[in-house]
Amino acid sequence: MTVASPCTNVCAIDPDSGYCVGCLRTIDEIAGWGAADDGWKRATLEKLKRRAVRKG
């Protein structure tokens, strides 16, 4: 099963955190998503969960 992108179509990088305000990914995570394997994508999704809790 392919891991779906967390993109919410609210694409803007917060200059303070460096995270997208819509999906909480970094520019590197966004750029690498399409070529990444599912293991990397799942690990990134776990990071996003932790970021969301901290952003809270």
N, C-alpha and C. Protein backbone atom coordinates (compact mmCIF):
# COMPACT_ATOMS: atom_id res chain seq x y z
N MET A 1 0.85 -1.18 0.00
CA MET A 1 0.00 0.00 0.00
C MET A 1 0.90 1.24 0.00
N THR A 2 0.61 2.17 -0.89
CA THR A 2 1.38 3.40 -0.99
C THR A 2 0.97 4.37 0.11
N VAL A 3 1.93 5.04 0.68
CA VAL A 3 1.68 6.01 1.74
C VAL A 3 1.26 7.33 1.11
N ALA A 4 0.09 7.83 1.50
CA ALA A 4 -0.45 9.07 0.94
C ALA A 4 0.28 10.28 1.49
N SER A 5 0.37 11.30 0.67
CA SER A 5 1.00 12.55 1.07
C SER A 5 0.14 13.25 2.13
N PRO A 6 0.79 13.88 3.11
CA PRO A 6 0.04 14.62 4.13
C PRO A 6 -0.34 16.03 3.67
N CYS A 7 -0.08 16.37 2.41
CA CYS A 7 -0.35 17.71 1.91
C CYS A 7 -1.81 18.08 2.10
N THR A 8 -2.05 19.30 2.58
CA THR A 8 -3.42 19.79 2.79
C THR A 8 -3.76 20.92 1.83
N ASN A 9 -2.86 21.17 0.87
CA ASN A 9 -3.02 22.27 -0.10
C ASN A 9 -3.04 23.64 0.54
N VAL A 10 -2.44 23.74 1.72
CA VAL A 10 -2.21 25.03 2.38
C VAL A 10 -0.69 25.15 2.44
N CYS A 11 -0.11 25.62 1.35
CA CYS A 11 1.33 25.54 1.17
C CYS A 11 2.01 26.88 1.43
N ALA A 12 2.58 27.00 2.60
CA ALA A 12 3.36 28.19 2.97
C ALA A 12 4.31 27.77 4.08
N ILE A 13 5.57 28.14 3.94
CA ILE A 13 6.57 27.80 4.95
C ILE A 13 6.61 28.89 6.01
N ASP A 14 6.44 28.48 7.27
CA ASP A 14 6.55 29.40 8.39
C ASP A 14 8.03 29.76 8.55
N PRO A 15 8.37 31.04 8.49
CA PRO A 15 9.78 31.42 8.55
C PRO A 15 10.43 31.13 9.90
N ASP A 16 9.65 31.07 10.96
CA ASP A 16 10.21 30.81 12.29
C ASP A 16 10.54 29.33 12.49
N SER A 17 9.60 28.46 12.12
CA SER A 17 9.80 27.03 12.35
C SER A 17 10.46 26.32 11.17
N GLY A 18 10.25 26.84 9.97
CA GLY A 18 10.74 26.16 8.77
C GLY A 18 9.80 25.06 8.30
N TYR A 19 8.62 24.96 8.92
CA TYR A 19 7.64 23.94 8.56
C TYR A 19 6.52 24.55 7.73
N CYS A 20 5.96 23.74 6.84
CA CYS A 20 4.78 24.16 6.09
C CYS A 20 3.63 24.34 7.08
N VAL A 21 2.88 25.42 6.94
CA VAL A 21 1.78 25.66 7.87
C VAL A 21 0.63 24.68 7.65
N GLY A 22 0.56 24.06 6.48
CA GLY A 22 -0.51 23.10 6.21
C GLY A 22 -0.20 21.69 6.67
N CYS A 23 1.00 21.19 6.34
CA CYS A 23 1.30 19.78 6.62
C CYS A 23 2.44 19.57 7.62
N LEU A 24 3.11 20.63 8.01
CA LEU A 24 4.21 20.60 8.98
C LEU A 24 5.49 19.94 8.47
N ARG A 25 5.59 19.75 7.15
CA ARG A 25 6.83 19.21 6.60
C ARG A 25 7.82 20.34 6.31
N THR A 26 9.10 19.98 6.28
CA THR A 26 10.13 20.92 5.85
C THR A 26 10.17 20.93 4.33
N ILE A 27 10.88 21.91 3.78
CA ILE A 27 11.05 21.98 2.32
C ILE A 27 11.70 20.68 1.80
N ASP A 28 12.71 20.18 2.49
CA ASP A 28 13.38 18.95 2.07
C ASP A 28 12.43 17.75 2.10
N GLU A 29 11.59 17.68 3.12
CA GLU A 29 10.62 16.57 3.21
C GLU A 29 9.59 16.66 2.09
N ILE A 30 9.15 17.86 1.78
CA ILE A 30 8.18 18.05 0.69
C ILE A 30 8.82 17.66 -0.64
N ALA A 31 10.02 18.16 -0.88
CA ALA A 31 10.70 17.90 -2.15
C ALA A 31 11.03 16.42 -2.33
N GLY A 32 11.35 15.74 -1.25
CA GLY A 32 11.75 14.34 -1.34
C GLY A 32 10.63 13.34 -1.33
N TRP A 33 9.43 13.78 -1.03
CA TRP A 33 8.31 12.86 -0.84
C TRP A 33 8.07 11.95 -2.04
N GLY A 34 8.02 12.51 -3.22
CA GLY A 34 7.68 11.73 -4.42
C GLY A 34 8.64 10.60 -4.72
N ALA A 35 9.92 10.79 -4.44
CA ALA A 35 10.93 9.79 -4.75
C ALA A 35 11.23 8.87 -3.56
N ALA A 36 10.68 9.16 -2.40
CA ALA A 36 11.00 8.41 -1.18
C ALA A 36 10.29 7.06 -1.14
N ASP A 37 10.90 6.12 -0.42
CA ASP A 37 10.24 4.83 -0.24
C ASP A 37 9.23 4.93 0.91
N ASP A 38 8.37 3.93 1.01
CA ASP A 38 7.30 3.98 2.01
C ASP A 38 7.82 4.00 3.44
N GLY A 39 8.97 3.39 3.70
CA GLY A 39 9.55 3.43 5.05
C GLY A 39 9.90 4.84 5.46
N TRP A 40 10.52 5.59 4.54
CA TRP A 40 10.87 6.99 4.82
C TRP A 40 9.61 7.81 5.02
N LYS A 41 8.60 7.56 4.19
CA LYS A 41 7.34 8.30 4.30
C LYS A 41 6.67 8.05 5.65
N ARG A 42 6.65 6.79 6.08
CA ARG A 42 6.04 6.48 7.38
C ARG A 42 6.80 7.14 8.52
N ALA A 43 8.12 7.12 8.44
CA ALA A 43 8.94 7.77 9.47
C ALA A 43 8.68 9.27 9.49
N THR A 44 8.53 9.87 8.33
CA THR A 44 8.24 11.30 8.25
C THR A 44 6.87 11.60 8.84
N LEU A 45 5.89 10.76 8.57
CA LEU A 45 4.55 10.96 9.15
C LEU A 45 4.60 10.91 10.67
N GLU A 46 5.45 10.06 11.23
CA GLU A 46 5.60 10.00 12.69
C GLU A 46 6.20 11.31 13.21
N LYS A 47 7.17 11.86 12.49
CA LYS A 47 7.75 13.15 12.87
C LYS A 47 6.67 14.23 12.87
N LEU A 48 5.80 14.19 11.86
CA LEU A 48 4.75 15.20 11.74
C LEU A 48 3.79 15.13 12.93
N LYS A 49 3.51 13.93 13.40
CA LYS A 49 2.64 13.77 14.58
C LYS A 49 3.27 14.46 15.80
N ARG A 50 4.58 14.26 15.98
CA ARG A 50 5.27 14.89 17.11
C ARG A 50 5.29 16.41 16.96
N ARG A 51 5.49 16.88 15.75
CA ARG A 51 5.48 18.32 15.51
C ARG A 51 4.10 18.93 15.82
N ALA A 52 3.06 18.22 15.45
CA ALA A 52 1.70 18.71 15.68
C ALA A 52 1.42 18.83 17.18
N VAL A 53 1.92 17.87 17.96
CA VAL A 53 1.71 17.89 19.41
C VAL A 53 2.45 19.10 20.01
N ARG A 54 3.67 19.33 19.56
CA ARG A 54 4.45 20.47 20.07
C ARG A 54 3.82 21.80 19.66
N LYS A 55 3.25 21.83 18.46
CA LYS A 55 2.62 23.07 17.95
C LYS A 55 1.35 23.35 18.74
N GLY A 56 0.66 22.29 19.08
CA GLY A 56 -0.51 22.21 19.84
C GLY A 56 -1.54 23.13 19.97
